[in-house]
Amino acid sequence: MRYAHYAGRETVLEMLHAFVIKFPKHILDEHLNTIFMHLVLCLANDNDNFRSMTGAAVKLLIGHVSKNLIPSILEFSLSWYSGGVQLVRSAAAQVLGLLVEVMGEDFKEEYINHVLQVMTSIFQLAVNVLKNRQLGLSVEATDCSWTETYYSLVLLEKILHQFHGLCLPGHLEDMWETICELLVHPHVWLRGVLNRLVAFYFASVTQANRATKRSH
C-alpha cells in the first residue's frame, strides 16, 4: 500500500478486498490490527481518490471481523480523534464515520458525546481561522486544518442520519451556530457538506413542527 504508483496500490486494495471476503473470520481476527493500522495510515497520508477506496476497505474489514473486536477499533479511533495531530484526526474521523455506518444504533451515546465534544473544538478552531483571515493571511497559511474540519462534518452528518433525535436538542445549539458561521468557508468541499447539514436541520425542524401540530 506504499507502492509508488497508484495502480499498484489499487491492486493491493483489490487483493485485500478478496482476502476479507473469502478468508475465515478467525484469520481476519488474527491479522486485524496489522491490516487496520496500515489502512489508517493510507487514510491519513494518501490522495483523495485512493482515500475513498481505502475507506471502503476499512468498512469491509469492520463488517467481517468478530464483533467483540470492534470496541478495540473504536477505542483506538476515539483516542486518535481526541489527539492534536491533524492528519491523524482526519483519518480517525473517517474511521468513526465508517463505524457509525457499520454499528448503527450500537454506536453508544457515550461515544457520541465524546465525539461531539472533540468535534465542537475542531469547528470552533475552524471559525477562529476564518476570523484570522482579516489579518491578510492567505487561506493556505491560516487554514491547514480544513481536512479535519471536513471529515468531522461528514462524521456529524452520518451521526445525525443514524440518530435523528440528536438534531434538535438544546445541547447542540452552539454547534449549529458554529456551523452557520462556517458557511462562508472558502473550501468548496466544506461548503457542500455544510449546506447539506443546514438543509437536514431545517427539514428536521419542519418535521418536528408538523408532528407537534398533529398531536394538538
N, C-alpha and C. Protein backbone atom coordinates (compact mmCIF):
# COMPACT_ATOMS: atom_id res chain seq x y z
N MET A 1 0.81 -1.22 0.00
CA MET A 1 0.00 0.00 0.00
C MET A 1 0.84 1.26 0.00
N ARG A 2 2.17 1.10 0.01
CA ARG A 2 3.07 2.25 -0.13
C ARG A 2 3.73 2.26 -1.51
N TYR A 3 3.23 1.44 -2.41
CA TYR A 3 3.79 1.38 -3.75
C TYR A 3 3.69 2.76 -4.40
N ALA A 4 4.73 3.12 -5.16
CA ALA A 4 4.82 4.48 -5.68
C ALA A 4 3.70 4.82 -6.65
N HIS A 5 3.27 3.85 -7.45
CA HIS A 5 2.26 4.12 -8.47
C HIS A 5 0.86 3.79 -7.96
N TYR A 6 -0.09 4.65 -8.34
CA TYR A 6 -1.47 4.49 -7.88
C TYR A 6 -2.04 3.12 -8.26
N ALA A 7 -1.76 2.66 -9.49
CA ALA A 7 -2.31 1.39 -9.96
C ALA A 7 -1.84 0.23 -9.08
N GLY A 8 -0.60 0.31 -8.59
CA GLY A 8 -0.09 -0.75 -7.71
C GLY A 8 -0.82 -0.77 -6.38
N ARG A 9 -1.06 0.40 -5.80
CA ARG A 9 -1.77 0.47 -4.53
C ARG A 9 -3.23 0.02 -4.70
N GLU A 10 -3.79 0.37 -5.85
CA GLU A 10 -5.17 -0.04 -6.14
C GLU A 10 -5.27 -1.57 -6.22
N THR A 11 -4.28 -2.21 -6.84
CA THR A 11 -4.27 -3.67 -6.96
C THR A 11 -4.18 -4.32 -5.59
N VAL A 12 -3.37 -3.73 -4.71
CA VAL A 12 -3.24 -4.27 -3.35
C VAL A 12 -4.59 -4.21 -2.63
N LEU A 13 -5.31 -3.10 -2.79
CA LEU A 13 -6.61 -2.97 -2.13
C LEU A 13 -7.61 -3.97 -2.70
N GLU A 14 -7.55 -4.21 -3.99
CA GLU A 14 -8.43 -5.21 -4.59
C GLU A 14 -8.14 -6.60 -4.04
N MET A 15 -6.85 -6.90 -3.86
CA MET A 15 -6.46 -8.18 -3.27
C MET A 15 -6.95 -8.27 -1.83
N LEU A 16 -6.81 -7.16 -1.09
CA LEU A 16 -7.24 -7.14 0.31
C LEU A 16 -8.75 -7.33 0.41
N HIS A 17 -9.49 -6.76 -0.53
CA HIS A 17 -10.94 -6.93 -0.58
C HIS A 17 -11.29 -8.42 -0.69
N ALA A 18 -10.61 -9.12 -1.61
CA ALA A 18 -10.85 -10.55 -1.78
C ALA A 18 -10.46 -11.33 -0.53
N PHE A 19 -9.36 -10.91 0.10
CA PHE A 19 -8.89 -11.54 1.33
C PHE A 19 -9.97 -11.46 2.42
N VAL A 20 -10.54 -10.27 2.61
CA VAL A 20 -11.54 -10.06 3.66
C VAL A 20 -12.81 -10.85 3.37
N ILE A 21 -13.20 -10.90 2.09
CA ILE A 21 -14.43 -11.59 1.71
C ILE A 21 -14.31 -13.10 1.86
N LYS A 22 -13.17 -13.67 1.49
CA LYS A 22 -13.07 -15.11 1.31
C LYS A 22 -12.39 -15.85 2.46
N PHE A 23 -11.56 -15.18 3.23
CA PHE A 23 -10.82 -15.89 4.27
C PHE A 23 -11.68 -16.08 5.52
N PRO A 24 -11.41 -17.13 6.29
CA PRO A 24 -12.19 -17.39 7.52
C PRO A 24 -12.05 -16.23 8.52
N LYS A 25 -13.09 -16.05 9.31
CA LYS A 25 -13.12 -14.92 10.24
C LYS A 25 -11.98 -14.98 11.23
N HIS A 26 -11.59 -16.16 11.68
CA HIS A 26 -10.53 -16.24 12.69
C HIS A 26 -9.19 -15.76 12.11
N ILE A 27 -8.99 -15.91 10.80
CA ILE A 27 -7.78 -15.39 10.17
C ILE A 27 -7.82 -13.87 10.15
N LEU A 28 -8.97 -13.31 9.80
CA LEU A 28 -9.12 -11.85 9.82
C LEU A 28 -8.90 -11.30 11.22
N ASP A 29 -9.46 -11.98 12.21
CA ASP A 29 -9.30 -11.54 13.60
C ASP A 29 -7.83 -11.50 14.00
N GLU A 30 -7.10 -12.51 13.57
CA GLU A 30 -5.69 -12.63 13.94
C GLU A 30 -4.85 -11.49 13.36
N HIS A 31 -5.21 -11.06 12.15
CA HIS A 31 -4.41 -10.04 11.46
C HIS A 31 -5.08 -8.67 11.46
N LEU A 32 -6.14 -8.52 12.23
CA LEU A 32 -6.91 -7.27 12.21
C LEU A 32 -6.06 -6.05 12.49
N ASN A 33 -5.30 -6.08 13.56
CA ASN A 33 -4.55 -4.88 13.96
C ASN A 33 -3.56 -4.44 12.89
N THR A 34 -2.86 -5.40 12.30
CA THR A 34 -1.87 -5.07 11.27
C THR A 34 -2.55 -4.43 10.05
N ILE A 35 -3.61 -5.08 9.56
CA ILE A 35 -4.31 -4.57 8.38
C ILE A 35 -4.93 -3.21 8.68
N PHE A 36 -5.57 -3.11 9.82
CA PHE A 36 -6.27 -1.88 10.18
C PHE A 36 -5.31 -0.70 10.28
N MET A 37 -4.18 -0.90 10.93
CA MET A 37 -3.22 0.19 11.12
C MET A 37 -2.69 0.70 9.78
N HIS A 38 -2.40 -0.22 8.85
CA HIS A 38 -1.88 0.20 7.55
C HIS A 38 -2.95 0.93 6.75
N LEU A 39 -4.19 0.51 6.88
CA LEU A 39 -5.27 1.20 6.18
C LEU A 39 -5.47 2.61 6.73
N VAL A 40 -5.36 2.75 8.04
CA VAL A 40 -5.50 4.08 8.65
C VAL A 40 -4.37 5.00 8.19
N LEU A 41 -3.17 4.46 8.07
CA LEU A 41 -2.05 5.26 7.55
C LEU A 41 -2.34 5.76 6.14
N CYS A 42 -2.98 4.92 5.32
CA CYS A 42 -3.36 5.35 3.98
C CYS A 42 -4.41 6.44 4.03
N LEU A 43 -5.38 6.32 4.94
CA LEU A 43 -6.39 7.36 5.09
C LEU A 43 -5.75 8.70 5.46
N ALA A 44 -4.70 8.62 6.25
CA ALA A 44 -4.06 9.85 6.73
C ALA A 44 -3.15 10.47 5.68
N ASN A 45 -2.51 9.64 4.84
CA ASN A 45 -1.40 10.15 4.03
C ASN A 45 -1.62 10.13 2.53
N ASP A 46 -2.58 9.35 2.03
CA ASP A 46 -2.69 9.21 0.58
C ASP A 46 -3.59 10.29 -0.01
N ASN A 47 -3.69 10.31 -1.36
CA ASN A 47 -4.52 11.32 -2.02
C ASN A 47 -6.00 10.96 -1.92
N ASP A 48 -6.85 11.90 -2.33
CA ASP A 48 -8.28 11.77 -2.09
C ASP A 48 -8.91 10.59 -2.84
N ASN A 49 -8.49 10.33 -4.09
CA ASN A 49 -9.06 9.23 -4.85
C ASN A 49 -8.79 7.89 -4.19
N PHE A 50 -7.55 7.69 -3.76
CA PHE A 50 -7.20 6.42 -3.11
C PHE A 50 -7.81 6.33 -1.72
N ARG A 51 -8.02 7.49 -1.09
CA ARG A 51 -8.58 7.51 0.26
C ARG A 51 -9.99 6.93 0.30
N SER A 52 -10.78 7.19 -0.72
CA SER A 52 -12.15 6.66 -0.76
C SER A 52 -12.14 5.14 -0.88
N MET A 53 -11.22 4.60 -1.68
CA MET A 53 -11.09 3.15 -1.80
C MET A 53 -10.62 2.54 -0.48
N THR A 54 -9.70 3.23 0.19
CA THR A 54 -9.21 2.75 1.48
C THR A 54 -10.33 2.73 2.51
N GLY A 55 -11.15 3.78 2.51
CA GLY A 55 -12.29 3.83 3.43
C GLY A 55 -13.23 2.67 3.20
N ALA A 56 -13.47 2.32 1.95
CA ALA A 56 -14.33 1.18 1.64
C ALA A 56 -13.73 -0.12 2.19
N ALA A 57 -12.40 -0.24 2.11
CA ALA A 57 -11.72 -1.43 2.63
C ALA A 57 -11.83 -1.50 4.15
N VAL A 58 -11.70 -0.35 4.81
CA VAL A 58 -11.84 -0.31 6.28
C VAL A 58 -13.25 -0.75 6.67
N LYS A 59 -14.24 -0.21 5.98
CA LYS A 59 -15.64 -0.56 6.28
C LYS A 59 -15.89 -2.05 6.08
N LEU A 60 -15.35 -2.58 5.01
CA LEU A 60 -15.50 -4.01 4.73
C LEU A 60 -14.85 -4.84 5.85
N LEU A 61 -13.66 -4.43 6.26
CA LEU A 61 -12.95 -5.15 7.32
C LEU A 61 -13.73 -5.12 8.62
N ILE A 62 -14.24 -3.95 9.01
CA ILE A 62 -15.01 -3.82 10.24
C ILE A 62 -16.25 -4.72 10.21
N GLY A 63 -16.85 -4.83 9.03
CA GLY A 63 -18.06 -5.63 8.91
C GLY A 63 -17.83 -7.13 8.89
N HIS A 64 -16.57 -7.57 8.77
CA HIS A 64 -16.30 -9.01 8.64
C HIS A 64 -15.52 -9.61 9.82
N VAL A 65 -14.98 -8.78 10.69
CA VAL A 65 -14.28 -9.36 11.85
C VAL A 65 -15.29 -9.66 12.95
N SER A 66 -14.85 -10.38 13.97
CA SER A 66 -15.73 -10.71 15.09
C SER A 66 -16.16 -9.45 15.82
N LYS A 67 -17.42 -9.41 16.23
CA LYS A 67 -17.98 -8.20 16.84
C LYS A 67 -17.28 -7.82 18.13
N ASN A 68 -16.72 -8.80 18.83
CA ASN A 68 -16.05 -8.49 20.10
C ASN A 68 -14.75 -7.71 19.90
N LEU A 69 -14.26 -7.62 18.65
CA LEU A 69 -13.04 -6.87 18.36
C LEU A 69 -13.32 -5.43 17.96
N ILE A 70 -14.56 -5.12 17.62
CA ILE A 70 -14.89 -3.77 17.16
C ILE A 70 -14.67 -2.71 18.25
N PRO A 71 -14.99 -2.99 19.54
CA PRO A 71 -14.71 -1.97 20.56
C PRO A 71 -13.26 -1.52 20.61
N SER A 72 -12.31 -2.42 20.32
CA SER A 72 -10.91 -2.00 20.34
C SER A 72 -10.62 -1.03 19.19
N ILE A 73 -11.22 -1.27 18.02
CA ILE A 73 -11.08 -0.35 16.88
C ILE A 73 -11.68 1.00 17.26
N LEU A 74 -12.82 0.95 17.91
CA LEU A 74 -13.49 2.18 18.32
C LEU A 74 -12.66 2.97 19.32
N GLU A 75 -12.08 2.29 20.29
CA GLU A 75 -11.27 2.97 21.30
C GLU A 75 -10.03 3.60 20.68
N PHE A 76 -9.38 2.88 19.76
CA PHE A 76 -8.24 3.45 19.05
C PHE A 76 -8.64 4.72 18.31
N SER A 77 -9.76 4.64 17.60
CA SER A 77 -10.21 5.77 16.79
C SER A 77 -10.58 6.97 17.65
N LEU A 78 -11.25 6.73 18.78
CA LEU A 78 -11.59 7.82 19.69
C LEU A 78 -10.34 8.47 20.27
N SER A 79 -9.34 7.64 20.58
CA SER A 79 -8.09 8.17 21.11
C SER A 79 -7.39 9.05 20.09
N TRP A 80 -7.33 8.58 18.83
CA TRP A 80 -6.70 9.37 17.77
C TRP A 80 -7.47 10.66 17.51
N TYR A 81 -8.80 10.57 17.55
CA TYR A 81 -9.63 11.74 17.27
C TYR A 81 -9.45 12.80 18.35
N SER A 82 -9.19 12.36 19.57
CA SER A 82 -9.01 13.28 20.69
C SER A 82 -7.63 13.93 20.68
N GLY A 83 -6.69 13.35 19.92
CA GLY A 83 -5.34 13.89 19.88
C GLY A 83 -5.26 15.17 19.07
N GLY A 84 -4.09 15.77 19.05
CA GLY A 84 -3.95 17.07 18.39
C GLY A 84 -3.31 17.03 17.03
N VAL A 85 -3.03 15.83 16.49
CA VAL A 85 -2.38 15.72 15.19
C VAL A 85 -3.44 15.75 14.09
N GLN A 86 -3.36 16.75 13.20
CA GLN A 86 -4.43 16.98 12.24
C GLN A 86 -4.66 15.80 11.29
N LEU A 87 -3.59 15.25 10.72
CA LEU A 87 -3.74 14.14 9.78
C LEU A 87 -4.35 12.92 10.47
N VAL A 88 -3.92 12.67 11.71
CA VAL A 88 -4.45 11.53 12.45
C VAL A 88 -5.91 11.77 12.80
N ARG A 89 -6.24 13.01 13.16
CA ARG A 89 -7.64 13.33 13.45
C ARG A 89 -8.52 13.13 12.23
N SER A 90 -8.03 13.54 11.07
CA SER A 90 -8.79 13.37 9.84
C SER A 90 -9.07 11.90 9.57
N ALA A 91 -8.04 11.07 9.71
CA ALA A 91 -8.21 9.63 9.49
C ALA A 91 -9.16 9.04 10.53
N ALA A 92 -9.02 9.46 11.78
CA ALA A 92 -9.89 8.94 12.84
C ALA A 92 -11.34 9.31 12.59
N ALA A 93 -11.59 10.54 12.11
CA ALA A 93 -12.96 10.96 11.81
C ALA A 93 -13.56 10.08 10.72
N GLN A 94 -12.74 9.73 9.72
CA GLN A 94 -13.22 8.86 8.65
C GLN A 94 -13.56 7.47 9.19
N VAL A 95 -12.69 6.92 10.04
CA VAL A 95 -12.94 5.59 10.61
C VAL A 95 -14.18 5.62 11.50
N LEU A 96 -14.33 6.67 12.30
CA LEU A 96 -15.51 6.77 13.17
C LEU A 96 -16.78 6.84 12.34
N GLY A 97 -16.73 7.56 11.22
CA GLY A 97 -17.89 7.60 10.34
C GLY A 97 -18.24 6.23 9.80
N LEU A 98 -17.22 5.45 9.43
CA LEU A 98 -17.45 4.08 8.95
C LEU A 98 -18.00 3.21 10.06
N LEU A 99 -17.53 3.41 11.29
CA LEU A 99 -18.05 2.66 12.44
C LEU A 99 -19.52 2.98 12.69
N VAL A 100 -19.90 4.24 12.54
CA VAL A 100 -21.31 4.62 12.68
C VAL A 100 -22.15 3.87 11.65
N GLU A 101 -21.67 3.81 10.42
CA GLU A 101 -22.41 3.11 9.37
C GLU A 101 -22.55 1.63 9.67
N VAL A 102 -21.48 1.01 10.14
CA VAL A 102 -21.49 -0.44 10.37
C VAL A 102 -22.24 -0.79 11.66
N MET A 103 -22.01 -0.02 12.74
CA MET A 103 -22.57 -0.35 14.04
C MET A 103 -24.02 0.12 14.19
N GLY A 104 -24.38 1.17 13.50
CA GLY A 104 -25.75 1.68 13.61
C GLY A 104 -26.06 2.11 15.03
N GLU A 105 -27.16 1.64 15.56
CA GLU A 105 -27.61 2.05 16.89
C GLU A 105 -26.70 1.53 18.01
N ASP A 106 -25.81 0.59 17.69
CA ASP A 106 -24.86 0.10 18.69
C ASP A 106 -23.75 1.11 18.99
N PHE A 107 -23.66 2.15 18.17
CA PHE A 107 -22.72 3.24 18.45
C PHE A 107 -23.28 4.04 19.62
N LYS A 108 -22.79 3.76 20.82
CA LYS A 108 -23.47 4.16 22.05
C LYS A 108 -23.40 5.67 22.29
N GLU A 109 -24.32 6.13 23.15
CA GLU A 109 -24.43 7.55 23.48
C GLU A 109 -23.14 8.10 24.06
N GLU A 110 -22.45 7.30 24.88
CA GLU A 110 -21.20 7.77 25.49
C GLU A 110 -20.15 8.07 24.41
N TYR A 111 -20.14 7.26 23.35
CA TYR A 111 -19.22 7.51 22.24
C TYR A 111 -19.61 8.79 21.51
N ILE A 112 -20.91 8.96 21.28
CA ILE A 112 -21.39 10.14 20.57
C ILE A 112 -21.04 11.40 21.34
N ASN A 113 -21.25 11.39 22.65
CA ASN A 113 -20.94 12.57 23.47
C ASN A 113 -19.46 12.92 23.40
N HIS A 114 -18.62 11.89 23.43
CA HIS A 114 -17.17 12.11 23.33
C HIS A 114 -16.82 12.73 21.99
N VAL A 115 -17.37 12.17 20.92
CA VAL A 115 -17.10 12.66 19.56
C VAL A 115 -17.58 14.10 19.40
N LEU A 116 -18.78 14.40 19.89
CA LEU A 116 -19.33 15.75 19.74
C LEU A 116 -18.49 16.78 20.49
N GLN A 117 -17.94 16.39 21.62
CA GLN A 117 -17.10 17.30 22.39
C GLN A 117 -15.84 17.68 21.60
N VAL A 118 -15.19 16.67 21.02
CA VAL A 118 -14.00 16.94 20.20
C VAL A 118 -14.37 17.73 18.96
N MET A 119 -15.47 17.34 18.35
CA MET A 119 -15.94 17.98 17.12
C MET A 119 -16.20 19.48 17.33
N THR A 120 -16.78 19.81 18.46
CA THR A 120 -17.08 21.21 18.77
C THR A 120 -15.81 22.05 18.79
N SER A 121 -14.75 21.51 19.39
CA SER A 121 -13.48 22.26 19.45
C SER A 121 -12.86 22.40 18.07
N ILE A 122 -12.99 21.38 17.21
CA ILE A 122 -12.45 21.44 15.85
C ILE A 122 -13.19 22.50 15.04
N PHE A 123 -14.51 22.54 15.16
CA PHE A 123 -15.30 23.52 14.42
C PHE A 123 -15.00 24.94 14.90
N GLN A 124 -14.83 25.09 16.21
CA GLN A 124 -14.53 26.42 16.74
C GLN A 124 -13.16 26.90 16.26
N LEU A 125 -12.20 25.97 16.18
CA LEU A 125 -10.89 26.32 15.64
C LEU A 125 -11.00 26.79 14.19
N ALA A 126 -11.84 26.12 13.42
CA ALA A 126 -12.03 26.50 12.03
C ALA A 126 -12.65 27.89 11.92
N VAL A 127 -13.58 28.22 12.82
CA VAL A 127 -14.18 29.55 12.85
C VAL A 127 -13.12 30.60 13.19
N ASN A 128 -12.28 30.29 14.14
CA ASN A 128 -11.21 31.23 14.52
C ASN A 128 -10.27 31.48 13.36
N VAL A 129 -9.98 30.42 12.58
CA VAL A 129 -9.12 30.57 11.40
C VAL A 129 -9.76 31.52 10.40
N LEU A 130 -11.07 31.37 10.20
CA LEU A 130 -11.78 32.26 9.28
C LEU A 130 -11.68 33.71 9.75
N LYS A 131 -11.82 33.92 11.04
CA LYS A 131 -11.75 35.28 11.57
C LYS A 131 -10.35 35.86 11.41
N ASN A 132 -9.35 35.00 11.47
CA ASN A 132 -7.97 35.47 11.32
C ASN A 132 -7.65 35.91 9.89
N ARG A 133 -8.52 35.55 8.95
CA ARG A 133 -8.29 35.94 7.57
C ARG A 133 -8.28 37.47 7.41
N GLN A 134 -8.92 38.15 8.34
CA GLN A 134 -8.93 39.61 8.27
C GLN A 134 -7.54 40.21 8.50
N LEU A 135 -6.62 39.37 8.98
CA LEU A 135 -5.25 39.84 9.17
C LEU A 135 -4.48 39.86 7.86
N GLY A 136 -5.11 39.36 6.79
CA GLY A 136 -4.48 39.40 5.48
C GLY A 136 -3.67 38.17 5.13
N LEU A 137 -3.73 37.12 5.97
CA LEU A 137 -3.01 35.89 5.68
C LEU A 137 -3.78 35.07 4.66
N SER A 138 -3.08 34.31 3.84
CA SER A 138 -3.73 33.51 2.81
C SER A 138 -4.42 32.31 3.45
N VAL A 139 -5.32 31.70 2.67
CA VAL A 139 -6.01 30.50 3.15
C VAL A 139 -5.01 29.40 3.46
N GLU A 140 -4.01 29.23 2.58
CA GLU A 140 -3.02 28.17 2.79
C GLU A 140 -2.24 28.40 4.09
N ALA A 141 -1.99 29.64 4.42
CA ALA A 141 -1.19 29.94 5.61
C ALA A 141 -1.99 29.79 6.88
N THR A 142 -3.31 29.99 6.79
CA THR A 142 -4.10 30.00 8.01
C THR A 142 -4.94 28.76 8.20
N ASP A 143 -5.29 28.10 7.09
CA ASP A 143 -6.26 27.00 7.20
C ASP A 143 -5.67 25.67 6.77
N CYS A 144 -4.66 25.24 7.50
CA CYS A 144 -4.05 23.95 7.22
C CYS A 144 -4.85 22.81 7.85
N SER A 145 -5.92 23.14 8.58
CA SER A 145 -6.69 22.13 9.30
C SER A 145 -8.03 21.85 8.63
N TRP A 146 -8.20 22.24 7.36
CA TRP A 146 -9.52 22.08 6.75
C TRP A 146 -9.92 20.62 6.63
N THR A 147 -8.95 19.70 6.49
CA THR A 147 -9.30 18.29 6.31
C THR A 147 -9.96 17.72 7.56
N GLU A 148 -9.43 18.03 8.75
CA GLU A 148 -10.06 17.50 9.95
C GLU A 148 -11.45 18.13 10.16
N THR A 149 -11.62 19.38 9.72
CA THR A 149 -12.94 20.01 9.78
C THR A 149 -13.90 19.32 8.82
N TYR A 150 -13.44 19.08 7.60
CA TYR A 150 -14.29 18.46 6.59
C TYR A 150 -14.74 17.06 7.02
N TYR A 151 -13.79 16.22 7.42
CA TYR A 151 -14.15 14.85 7.78
C TYR A 151 -14.95 14.79 9.09
N SER A 152 -14.78 15.79 9.95
CA SER A 152 -15.61 15.87 11.15
C SER A 152 -17.04 16.24 10.78
N LEU A 153 -17.20 17.11 9.80
CA LEU A 153 -18.55 17.47 9.32
C LEU A 153 -19.23 16.25 8.68
N VAL A 154 -18.47 15.48 7.90
CA VAL A 154 -19.03 14.27 7.30
C VAL A 154 -19.42 13.28 8.40
N LEU A 155 -18.59 13.17 9.44
CA LEU A 155 -18.91 12.30 10.57
C LEU A 155 -20.19 12.76 11.26
N LEU A 156 -20.32 14.07 11.47
CA LEU A 156 -21.54 14.60 12.09
C LEU A 156 -22.76 14.27 11.24
N GLU A 157 -22.63 14.41 9.93
CA GLU A 157 -23.74 14.10 9.03
C GLU A 157 -24.16 12.64 9.17
N LYS A 158 -23.21 11.74 9.26
CA LYS A 158 -23.54 10.31 9.41
C LYS A 158 -24.20 10.05 10.75
N ILE A 159 -23.72 10.70 11.81
CA ILE A 159 -24.32 10.52 13.13
C ILE A 159 -25.76 11.00 13.14
N LEU A 160 -26.01 12.17 12.56
CA LEU A 160 -27.36 12.73 12.56
C LEU A 160 -28.33 11.90 11.73
N HIS A 161 -27.84 11.33 10.63
CA HIS A 161 -28.71 10.47 9.82
C HIS A 161 -29.02 9.15 10.54
N GLN A 162 -28.11 8.72 11.39
CA GLN A 162 -28.34 7.48 12.15
C GLN A 162 -29.17 7.74 13.40
N PHE A 163 -28.93 8.89 14.04
CA PHE A 163 -29.62 9.24 15.28
C PHE A 163 -30.36 10.57 15.08
N HIS A 164 -31.55 10.49 14.50
CA HIS A 164 -32.30 11.69 14.12
C HIS A 164 -32.60 12.59 15.31
N GLY A 165 -32.78 11.99 16.48
CA GLY A 165 -33.16 12.78 17.65
C GLY A 165 -32.10 13.75 18.11
N LEU A 166 -30.86 13.58 17.65
CA LEU A 166 -29.78 14.46 18.08
C LEU A 166 -29.84 15.84 17.41
N CYS A 167 -30.60 15.95 16.35
CA CYS A 167 -30.55 17.16 15.53
C CYS A 167 -31.07 18.38 16.27
N LEU A 168 -32.07 18.20 17.13
CA LEU A 168 -32.76 19.35 17.70
C LEU A 168 -32.47 19.66 19.16
N PRO A 169 -31.94 18.74 19.96
CA PRO A 169 -31.75 19.05 21.38
C PRO A 169 -30.93 20.32 21.62
N GLY A 170 -31.23 21.00 22.73
CA GLY A 170 -30.59 22.27 23.02
C GLY A 170 -29.08 22.20 23.17
N HIS A 171 -28.54 21.05 23.57
CA HIS A 171 -27.10 21.00 23.82
C HIS A 171 -26.29 21.08 22.52
N LEU A 172 -26.95 20.98 21.36
CA LEU A 172 -26.25 21.15 20.09
C LEU A 172 -26.44 22.54 19.50
N GLU A 173 -27.12 23.41 20.24
CA GLU A 173 -27.43 24.74 19.72
C GLU A 173 -26.16 25.51 19.36
N ASP A 174 -25.16 25.48 20.25
CA ASP A 174 -23.91 26.18 19.98
C ASP A 174 -23.22 25.63 18.74
N MET A 175 -23.29 24.31 18.56
CA MET A 175 -22.65 23.70 17.39
C MET A 175 -23.32 24.17 16.10
N TRP A 176 -24.65 24.26 16.11
CA TRP A 176 -25.35 24.73 14.91
C TRP A 176 -24.98 26.17 14.59
N GLU A 177 -24.79 26.98 15.61
CA GLU A 177 -24.37 28.36 15.39
C GLU A 177 -22.98 28.40 14.75
N THR A 178 -22.10 27.53 15.23
CA THR A 178 -20.75 27.45 14.65
C THR A 178 -20.80 26.99 13.21
N ILE A 179 -21.67 26.00 12.93
CA ILE A 179 -21.82 25.51 11.56
C ILE A 179 -22.28 26.63 10.63
N CYS A 180 -23.20 27.46 11.11
CA CYS A 180 -23.67 28.59 10.30
C CYS A 180 -22.53 29.58 10.03
N GLU A 181 -21.66 29.78 11.01
CA GLU A 181 -20.52 30.67 10.81
C GLU A 181 -19.56 30.14 9.75
N LEU A 182 -19.51 28.80 9.63
CA LEU A 182 -18.59 28.18 8.68
C LEU A 182 -19.12 28.17 7.25
N LEU A 183 -20.36 28.58 7.04
CA LEU A 183 -20.95 28.55 5.71
C LEU A 183 -20.20 29.42 4.70
N VAL A 184 -19.42 30.36 5.19
CA VAL A 184 -18.65 31.23 4.29
C VAL A 184 -17.23 30.71 4.07
N HIS A 185 -16.98 29.49 4.49
CA HIS A 185 -15.63 28.92 4.33
C HIS A 185 -15.24 28.88 2.85
N PRO A 186 -13.99 29.19 2.53
CA PRO A 186 -13.58 29.24 1.12
C PRO A 186 -13.48 27.88 0.44
N HIS A 187 -13.39 26.79 1.21
CA HIS A 187 -13.21 25.48 0.58
C HIS A 187 -14.56 24.91 0.16
N VAL A 188 -14.68 24.55 -1.11
CA VAL A 188 -15.96 24.11 -1.66
C VAL A 188 -16.43 22.81 -1.04
N TRP A 189 -15.51 21.91 -0.66
CA TRP A 189 -15.93 20.66 -0.03
C TRP A 189 -16.65 20.93 1.28
N LEU A 190 -16.10 21.83 2.07
CA LEU A 190 -16.73 22.15 3.34
C LEU A 190 -18.11 22.77 3.13
N ARG A 191 -18.19 23.71 2.19
CA ARG A 191 -19.48 24.36 1.93
C ARG A 191 -20.53 23.35 1.49
N GLY A 192 -20.11 22.34 0.72
CA GLY A 192 -21.05 21.33 0.27
C GLY A 192 -21.68 20.56 1.42
N VAL A 193 -20.85 20.05 2.33
CA VAL A 193 -21.39 19.29 3.46
C VAL A 193 -22.10 20.19 4.45
N LEU A 194 -21.64 21.44 4.60
CA LEU A 194 -22.31 22.39 5.48
C LEU A 194 -23.73 22.69 4.98
N ASN A 195 -23.88 22.86 3.67
CA ASN A 195 -25.20 23.10 3.10
C ASN A 195 -26.13 21.92 3.33
N ARG A 196 -25.60 20.71 3.20
CA ARG A 196 -26.42 19.52 3.44
C ARG A 196 -26.86 19.45 4.90
N LEU A 197 -25.94 19.78 5.81
CA LEU A 197 -26.28 19.75 7.24
C LEU A 197 -27.36 20.76 7.59
N VAL A 198 -27.23 21.97 7.07
CA VAL A 198 -28.23 23.00 7.36
C VAL A 198 -29.59 22.60 6.77
N ALA A 199 -29.59 22.05 5.55
CA ALA A 199 -30.83 21.58 4.95
C ALA A 199 -31.46 20.47 5.79
N PHE A 200 -30.63 19.57 6.29
CA PHE A 200 -31.12 18.49 7.15
C PHE A 200 -31.73 19.05 8.44
N TYR A 201 -31.09 20.08 8.99
CA TYR A 201 -31.60 20.71 10.21
C TYR A 201 -32.98 21.31 9.97
N PHE A 202 -33.13 22.08 8.89
CA PHE A 202 -34.42 22.71 8.61
C PHE A 202 -35.50 21.66 8.33
N ALA A 203 -35.12 20.59 7.64
CA ALA A 203 -36.08 19.52 7.38
C ALA A 203 -36.53 18.87 8.69
N SER A 204 -35.59 18.70 9.62
CA SER A 204 -35.92 18.10 10.93
C SER A 204 -36.83 19.02 11.73
N VAL A 205 -36.56 20.33 11.69
CA VAL A 205 -37.40 21.29 12.39
C VAL A 205 -38.81 21.28 11.82
N THR A 206 -38.92 21.28 10.48
CA THR A 206 -40.23 21.26 9.83
C THR A 206 -41.01 20.01 10.20
N GLN A 207 -40.32 18.87 10.19
CA GLN A 207 -40.97 17.60 10.53
C GLN A 207 -41.43 17.61 11.99
N ALA A 208 -40.60 18.15 12.88
CA ALA A 208 -40.97 18.21 14.29
C ALA A 208 -42.17 19.13 14.51
N ASN A 209 -42.22 20.26 13.80
CA ASN A 209 -43.36 21.18 13.92
C ASN A 209 -44.65 20.54 13.42
N ARG A 210 -44.56 19.82 12.33
CA ARG A 210 -45.75 19.13 11.80
C ARG A 210 -46.24 18.08 12.79
N ALA A 211 -45.31 17.35 13.40
CA ALA A 211 -45.70 16.34 14.37
C ALA A 211 -46.36 16.98 15.58
N THR A 212 -45.87 18.15 16.00
CA THR A 212 -46.46 18.86 17.14
C THR A 212 -47.89 19.30 16.82
N LYS A 213 -48.09 19.84 15.61
CA LYS A 213 -49.42 20.28 15.20
C LYS A 213 -50.39 19.13 15.15
N ARG A 214 -49.95 17.97 14.65
CA ARG A 214 -50.83 16.81 14.58
C ARG A 214 -51.22 16.33 15.95
N SER A 215 -50.29 16.43 16.91
CA SER A 215 -50.58 15.96 18.27
C SER A 215 -51.61 16.83 18.97
N HIS A 216 -51.73 18.11 18.52
CA HIS A 216 -52.71 19.02 19.11
C HIS A 216 -54.04 18.95 18.34
